[in-house]
Amino acid sequence: MRENKLVILISRNLMFLPRIEAAAGSKMKVRRLTDVAQIDQFTQNYNISNILVDLEEDDTFWKPLLSKAKRMVGDKVNIAAYGPHEDEASMSEAEALGCDPVLAKGAFVRQLKNILFPGDN
């Protein structure tokens, strides 16, 4: 049986995890995706509502995970990416792969609740 909604965080870095968990509150669980094998488990056990991508990770880490996750969940999931504002190449790649919005870290933190709960303003 599927549990509550899930936010997938594609990141090995724990820095933003507490902020994302606080923004999600009790309405959503947050799990880090660090291995392609986890995607099947997540899609079987949860209703995935959001995928968040940390662009500070090497693209050889986040691109395959994002591609597989998108194939598994389709277009029904909000996908956002965040990273350093000066890394325009990664931001453009994330946008090309379907991330919307793609934000600098500061803007991501400010808009996090709206990203997780669009329309609940």
Foldseek 3Di string as FASTA:
>chain_A
DADAEEEEEADPDCPCVVLLCVLCDPRYYYDYDFDQVCLVVDLVHYRYAEYEYELVDDCVRGVVNLVSNCVSNPPRHAYAYEYAPVPVVSCVVVVVSPHPPYYYPVVCSVCVNCSRPPPPD
